[in-house]
Amino acid sequence: MAVDPKIGAAFIDGGIVHRIGFRRLLPFSLWHLFMLQAIDSPFVHKGEVRRFDLRVAVGVCSLRYPDSRIRRPRYVGRDLRMGVRKFLHYVGDYLSKPEYVVIPRDGTTPPPPRGSAPETLQIVWDVLDFTHWEEEKVWNLPAGKGFAYQAGAMRSKGLDMDFMTPEERAYQDALEAEREAERKAPHG
């Protein structure tokens, strides 16, 4: 059986070295994701990106946990749009999250979450608990690997999980497209 591309992408990066300007970026990690969320970067909330934002994001993605001192590069290229595209391509190479459905036990649904931690912190906690690795190692994991290890941790704790196959994903996409078409159709 082939590995689901979403899970495979979390572990296989092909050894690509990403650079923006003259700065080499580390594999996009949970630490990078957390830092970008902490500074409310437009790369995590889909806002307008300025050259300064790109310089900050490149600086963040050059750090290893627990280093939080952002050193912005002076040069990120002449073409801002090209730099943003390169940065988004870089993030996309590492940010692959497995898709799964948690199956409730005994036909009961779990209670709604209350006061949950930020998703990135929860991932780190789950992976630390599951692997007993050093905190620095977990924070420096490529983000997709963190998502995959978290899914493994949840499964090992007894959650009945059914990972989606490419066929199931195609079926879900078709259903969503059908729902979208119905929403856009004029109601007579």
C-alpha atoms as a PDB file:
ATOM      1  CA  MET A   1       0.000   0.000   0.000  1.00  0.00           C
ATOM      2  CA  ALA A   2       1.336   3.417  -0.949  1.00  0.00           C
ATOM      3  CA  VAL A   3       1.947   6.045   1.698  1.00  0.00           C
ATOM      4  CA  ASP A   4      -0.622   8.835   1.751  1.00  0.00           C
ATOM      5  CA  PRO A   5       1.018  11.803   0.006  1.00  0.00           C
ATOM      6  CA  LYS A   6       0.061  14.123   2.880  1.00  0.00           C
ATOM      7  CA  ILE A   7       1.958  11.953   5.394  1.00  0.00           C
ATOM      8  CA  GLY A   8       4.828  11.264   3.011  1.00  0.00           C
ATOM      9  CA  ALA A   9       5.318  14.972   2.375  1.00  0.00           C
ATOM     10  CA  ALA A  10       5.828  15.510   6.119  1.00  0.00           C
ATOM     11  CA  PHE A  11       8.895  13.272   6.082  1.00  0.00           C
ATOM     12  CA  ILE A  12      10.293  13.600   2.564  1.00  0.00           C
ATOM     13  CA  ASP A  13      11.691  16.959   1.534  1.00  0.00           C
ATOM     14  CA  GLY A  14      14.150  15.884  -1.141  1.00  0.00           C
ATOM     15  CA  GLY A  15      16.986  17.785   0.518  1.00  0.00           C
ATOM     16  CA  ILE A  16      15.953  21.067  -1.060  1.00  0.00           C
ATOM     17  CA  VAL A  17      17.862  24.066   0.250  1.00  0.00           C
ATOM     18  CA  HIS A  18      15.606  27.099   0.369  1.00  0.00           C
ATOM     19  CA  ARG A  19      17.132  30.574   0.137  1.00  0.00           C
ATOM     20  CA  ILE A  20      15.587  33.984   0.033  1.00  0.00           C
ATOM     21  CA  GLY A  21      18.048  36.673  -0.872  1.00  0.00           C
ATOM     22  CA  PHE A  22      21.317  35.392   0.540  1.00  0.00           C
ATOM     23  CA  ARG A  23      19.763  33.759   3.616  1.00  0.00           C
ATOM     24  CA  ARG A  24      19.447  29.985   3.883  1.00  0.00           C
ATOM     25  CA  LEU A  25      16.210  28.911   5.570  1.00  0.00           C
ATOM     26  CA  LEU A  26      16.029  25.977   7.963  1.00  0.00           C
ATOM     27  CA  PRO A  27      13.278  23.380   7.464  1.00  0.00           C
ATOM     28  CA  PHE A  28      10.030  25.132   8.443  1.00  0.00           C
ATOM     29  CA  SER A  29       9.512  23.927  12.001  1.00  0.00           C
ATOM     30  CA  LEU A  30       6.926  24.108  14.734  1.00  0.00           C
ATOM     31  CA  TRP A  31       9.121  26.782  16.353  1.00  0.00           C
ATOM     32  CA  HIS A  32       8.921  28.859  13.167  1.00  0.00           C
ATOM     33  CA  LEU A  33       5.145  28.423  13.002  1.00  0.00           C
ATOM     34  CA  PHE A  34       4.773  29.428  16.649  1.00  0.00           C
ATOM     35  CA  MET A  35       7.020  32.490  16.245  1.00  0.00           C
ATOM     36  CA  LEU A  36       5.116  33.672  13.154  1.00  0.00           C
ATOM     37  CA  GLN A  37       1.841  33.215  15.054  1.00  0.00           C
ATOM     38  CA  ALA A  38       3.236  35.063  18.092  1.00  0.00           C
ATOM     39  CA  ILE A  39       4.163  38.116  16.020  1.00  0.00           C
ATOM     40  CA  ASP A  40       0.912  37.912  14.046  1.00  0.00           C
ATOM     41  CA  SER A  41       2.766  37.675  10.752  1.00  0.00           C
ATOM     42  CA  PRO A  42       0.655  38.238   7.636  1.00  0.00           C
ATOM     43  CA  PHE A  43       1.990  34.861   6.481  1.00  0.00           C
ATOM     44  CA  VAL A  44      -0.205  33.153   9.117  1.00  0.00           C
ATOM     45  CA  HIS A  45      -3.277  35.382   8.939  1.00  0.00           C
ATOM     46  CA  LYS A  46      -3.249  36.036   5.191  1.00  0.00           C
ATOM     47  CA  GLY A  47      -2.716  39.764   5.357  1.00  0.00           C
ATOM     48  CA  GLU A  48      -0.912  42.118   3.020  1.00  0.00           C
ATOM     49  CA  VAL A  49       2.810  41.356   3.053  1.00  0.00           C
ATOM     50  CA  ARG A  50       5.317  44.197   2.999  1.00  0.00           C
ATOM     51  CA  ARG A  51       9.066  43.852   2.428  1.00  0.00           C
ATOM     52  CA  PHE A  52       9.582  44.246   6.200  1.00  0.00           C
ATOM     53  CA  ASP A  53       7.203  41.298   6.853  1.00  0.00           C
ATOM     54  CA  LEU A  54       9.160  39.113   4.443  1.00  0.00           C
ATOM     55  CA  ARG A  55      12.448  40.103   6.087  1.00  0.00           C
ATOM     56  CA  VAL A  56      11.026  39.234   9.515  1.00  0.00           C
ATOM     57  CA  ALA A  57       9.660  35.879   8.292  1.00  0.00           C
ATOM     58  CA  VAL A  58      13.009  34.993   6.714  1.00  0.00           C
ATOM     59  CA  GLY A  59      14.722  35.960   9.981  1.00  0.00           C
ATOM     60  CA  VAL A  60      12.325  33.754  11.970  1.00  0.00           C
ATOM     61  CA  CYS A  61      12.882  30.787   9.665  1.00  0.00           C
ATOM     62  CA  SER A  62      16.629  31.040  10.203  1.00  0.00           C
ATOM     63  CA  LEU A  63      16.249  30.349  13.938  1.00  0.00           C
ATOM     64  CA  ARG A  64      16.477  27.144  15.938  1.00  0.00           C
ATOM     65  CA  TYR A  65      14.491  26.690  19.141  1.00  0.00           C
ATOM     66  CA  PRO A  66      14.801  28.293  21.704  1.00  0.00           C
ATOM     67  CA  ASP A  67      16.449  31.234  19.916  1.00  0.00           C
ATOM     68  CA  SER A  68      13.851  33.977  19.481  1.00  0.00           C
ATOM     69  CA  ARG A  69      16.159  36.841  18.552  1.00  0.00           C
ATOM     70  CA  ILE A  70      15.072  37.628  15.019  1.00  0.00           C
ATOM     71  CA  ARG A  71      17.885  38.791  12.759  1.00  0.00           C
ATOM     72  CA  ARG A  72      16.242  40.260   9.671  1.00  0.00           C
ATOM     73  CA  PRO A  73      18.318  40.002   6.515  1.00  0.00           C
ATOM     74  CA  ARG A  74      18.961  43.267   4.723  1.00  0.00           C
ATOM     75  CA  TYR A  75      18.320  41.800   1.305  1.00  0.00           C
ATOM     76  CA  VAL A  76      15.434  39.507   0.284  1.00  0.00           C
ATOM     77  CA  GLY A  77      15.566  40.170  -3.436  1.00  0.00           C
ATOM     78  CA  ARG A  78      14.347  43.014  -5.609  1.00  0.00           C
ATOM     79  CA  ASP A  79      10.945  41.596  -6.494  1.00  0.00           C
ATOM     80  CA  LEU A  80       8.729  41.434  -3.400  1.00  0.00           C
ATOM     81  CA  ARG A  81       6.088  39.260  -5.099  1.00  0.00           C
ATOM     82  CA  MET A  82       8.739  36.751  -6.138  1.00  0.00           C
ATOM     83  CA  GLY A  83      10.141  36.716  -2.587  1.00  0.00           C
ATOM     84  CA  VAL A  84       6.687  36.106  -1.130  1.00  0.00           C
ATOM     85  CA  ARG A  85       6.058  33.291  -3.638  1.00  0.00           C
ATOM     86  CA  LYS A  86       9.409  31.715  -2.760  1.00  0.00           C
ATOM     87  CA  PHE A  87       8.605  31.963   0.958  1.00  0.00           C
ATOM     88  CA  LEU A  88       5.150  30.414   0.517  1.00  0.00           C
ATOM     89  CA  HIS A  89       6.656  27.632  -1.612  1.00  0.00           C
ATOM     90  CA  TYR A  90       9.236  27.016   1.139  1.00  0.00           C
ATOM     91  CA  VAL A  91       6.538  26.803   3.836  1.00  0.00           C
ATOM     92  CA  GLY A  92       4.420  24.545   1.618  1.00  0.00           C
ATOM     93  CA  ASP A  93       7.316  22.089   1.315  1.00  0.00           C
ATOM     94  CA  TYR A  94       7.189  21.474   5.075  1.00  0.00           C
ATOM     95  CA  LEU A  95       3.633  22.213   6.179  1.00  0.00           C
ATOM     96  CA  SER A  96       1.830  18.999   5.366  1.00  0.00           C
ATOM     97  CA  LYS A  97      -0.815  17.936   7.859  1.00  0.00           C
ATOM     98  CA  PRO A  98      -2.246  14.398   7.780  1.00  0.00           C
ATOM     99  CA  GLU A  99      -6.018  14.235   7.434  1.00  0.00           C
ATOM    100  CA  TYR A 100      -7.958  11.929   9.712  1.00  0.00           C
ATOM    101  CA  VAL A 101     -11.281  11.497  11.428  1.00  0.00           C
ATOM    102  CA  VAL A 102     -11.554  10.667  15.127  1.00  0.00           C
ATOM    103  CA  ILE A 103     -14.175   8.006  15.637  1.00  0.00           C
ATOM    104  CA  PRO A 104     -16.157   8.549  18.878  1.00  0.00           C
ATOM    105  CA  ARG A 105     -16.307   5.566  21.218  1.00  0.00           C
ATOM    106  CA  ASP A 106     -19.601   3.834  21.886  1.00  0.00           C
ATOM    107  CA  GLY A 107     -21.483   6.220  19.637  1.00  0.00           C
ATOM    108  CA  THR A 108     -20.974   9.147  22.013  1.00  0.00           C
ATOM    109  CA  THR A 109     -19.523  12.424  20.896  1.00  0.00           C
ATOM    110  CA  PRO A 110     -16.696  14.043  22.821  1.00  0.00           C
ATOM    111  CA  PRO A 111     -17.508  17.178  24.810  1.00  0.00           C
ATOM    112  CA  PRO A 112     -16.739  20.476  23.081  1.00  0.00           C
ATOM    113  CA  PRO A 113     -13.196  21.749  23.727  1.00  0.00           C
ATOM    114  CA  ARG A 114     -12.840  24.304  26.484  1.00  0.00           C
ATOM    115  CA  GLY A 115     -10.031  26.800  26.726  1.00  0.00           C
ATOM    116  CA  SER A 116      -7.760  24.819  24.429  1.00  0.00           C
ATOM    117  CA  ALA A 117      -4.091  25.676  24.034  1.00  0.00           C
ATOM    118  CA  PRO A 118      -2.830  27.144  20.778  1.00  0.00           C
ATOM    119  CA  GLU A 119      -2.600  24.332  18.218  1.00  0.00           C
ATOM    120  CA  THR A 120       1.172  24.560  17.868  1.00  0.00           C
ATOM    121  CA  LEU A 121       1.733  24.228  21.615  1.00  0.00           C
ATOM    122  CA  GLN A 122      -0.628  21.255  21.755  1.00  0.00           C
ATOM    123  CA  ILE A 123       1.338  19.573  18.986  1.00  0.00           C
ATOM    124  CA  VAL A 124       4.609  20.117  20.839  1.00  0.00           C
ATOM    125  CA  TRP A 125       3.118  18.804  24.095  1.00  0.00           C
ATOM    126  CA  ASP A 126       1.693  15.726  22.404  1.00  0.00           C
ATOM    127  CA  VAL A 127       4.956  14.936  20.604  1.00  0.00           C
ATOM    128  CA  LEU A 128       7.022  15.490  23.763  1.00  0.00           C
ATOM    129  CA  ASP A 129       4.705  13.174  25.699  1.00  0.00           C
ATOM    130  CA  PHE A 130       4.743  10.553  22.944  1.00  0.00           C
ATOM    131  CA  THR A 131       8.470  10.529  22.138  1.00  0.00           C
ATOM    132  CA  HIS A 132      10.160  11.788  25.336  1.00  0.00           C
ATOM    133  CA  TRP A 133      12.562  13.705  23.084  1.00  0.00           C
ATOM    134  CA  GLU A 134      14.366  16.851  24.142  1.00  0.00           C
ATOM    135  CA  GLU A 135      12.233  19.975  23.848  1.00  0.00           C
ATOM    136  CA  GLU A 136      14.657  21.566  21.381  1.00  0.00           C
ATOM    137  CA  LYS A 137      14.413  18.580  19.029  1.00  0.00           C
ATOM    138  CA  VAL A 138      10.613  18.750  18.973  1.00  0.00           C
ATOM    139  CA  TRP A 139      10.483  22.510  18.401  1.00  0.00           C
ATOM    140  CA  ASN A 140      12.915  22.131  15.501  1.00  0.00           C
ATOM    141  CA  LEU A 141      10.928  19.372  13.784  1.00  0.00           C
ATOM    142  CA  PRO A 142       9.633  20.241  10.346  1.00  0.00           C
ATOM    143  CA  ALA A 143       5.997  21.181  10.977  1.00  0.00           C
ATOM    144  CA  GLY A 144       4.556  18.357   8.866  1.00  0.00           C
ATOM    145  CA  LYS A 145       6.512  15.795  10.893  1.00  0.00           C
ATOM    146  CA  GLY A 146       5.131  17.348  14.067  1.00  0.00           C
ATOM    147  CA  PHE A 147       1.578  16.930  12.773  1.00  0.00           C
ATOM    148  CA  ALA A 148       2.284  13.312  11.820  1.00  0.00           C
ATOM    149  CA  TYR A 149       3.874  12.481  15.197  1.00  0.00           C
ATOM    150  CA  GLN A 150       0.931  14.111  16.963  1.00  0.00           C
ATOM    151  CA  ALA A 151      -1.456  11.876  15.035  1.00  0.00           C
ATOM    152  CA  GLY A 152       0.640   8.868  16.092  1.00  0.00           C
ATOM    153  CA  ALA A 153       0.536  10.045  19.701  1.00  0.00           C
ATOM    154  CA  MET A 154      -3.249  10.380  19.613  1.00  0.00           C
ATOM    155  CA  ARG A 155      -3.586   6.930  18.058  1.00  0.00           C
ATOM    156  CA  SER A 156      -1.293   5.375  20.683  1.00  0.00           C
ATOM    157  CA  LYS A 157      -3.480   6.894  23.403  1.00  0.00           C
ATOM    158  CA  GLY A 158      -6.369   4.832  22.091  1.00  0.00           C
ATOM    159  CA  LEU A 159      -8.175   7.222  19.776  1.00  0.00           C
ATOM    160  CA  ASP A 160      -9.704   5.220  16.964  1.00  0.00           C
ATOM    161  CA  MET A 161      -8.493   7.086  13.890  1.00  0.00           C
ATOM    162  CA  ASP A 162      -9.078   6.400  10.244  1.00  0.00           C
ATOM    163  CA  PHE A 163      -6.501   8.101   8.011  1.00  0.00           C
ATOM    164  CA  MET A 164      -7.923   9.338   4.745  1.00  0.00           C
ATOM    165  CA  THR A 165      -6.842   7.670   1.529  1.00  0.00           C
ATOM    166  CA  PRO A 166      -6.428   9.630  -1.708  1.00  0.00           C
ATOM    167  CA  GLU A 167      -9.746   8.125  -2.872  1.00  0.00           C
ATOM    168  CA  GLU A 168     -11.540   9.295   0.287  1.00  0.00           C
ATOM    169  CA  ARG A 169      -9.972  12.749  -0.072  1.00  0.00           C
ATOM    170  CA  ALA A 170     -11.169  12.943  -3.689  1.00  0.00           C
ATOM    171  CA  TYR A 171     -14.667  11.948  -2.527  1.00  0.00           C
ATOM    172  CA  GLN A 172     -14.604  14.646   0.209  1.00  0.00           C
ATOM    173  CA  ASP A 173     -13.398  17.233  -2.342  1.00  0.00           C
ATOM    174  CA  ALA A 174     -16.219  16.258  -4.721  1.00  0.00           C
ATOM    175  CA  LEU A 175     -18.770  16.622  -1.911  1.00  0.00           C
ATOM    176  CA  GLU A 176     -17.397  20.041  -1.015  1.00  0.00           C
ATOM    177  CA  ALA A 177     -17.487  21.152  -4.665  1.00  0.00           C
ATOM    178  CA  GLU A 178     -21.107  19.991  -4.884  1.00  0.00           C
ATOM    179  CA  ARG A 179     -22.024  21.911  -1.699  1.00  0.00           C
ATOM    180  CA  GLU A 180     -20.275  25.019  -3.055  1.00  0.00           C
ATOM    181  CA  ALA A 181     -22.167  24.736  -6.356  1.00  0.00           C
ATOM    182  CA  GLU A 182     -25.455  24.457  -4.443  1.00  0.00           C
ATOM    183  CA  ARG A 183     -24.599  27.553  -2.388  1.00  0.00           C
ATOM    184  CA  LYS A 184     -23.864  29.557  -5.532  1.00  0.00           C
ATOM    185  CA  ALA A 185     -26.881  28.312  -7.486  1.00  0.00           C
ATOM    186  CA  PRO A 186     -29.754  30.789  -7.695  1.00  0.00           C
ATOM    187  CA  HIS A 187     -32.641  29.761  -5.486  1.00  0.00           C
ATOM    188  CA  GLY A 188     -35.878  29.938  -7.391  1.00  0.00           C
END
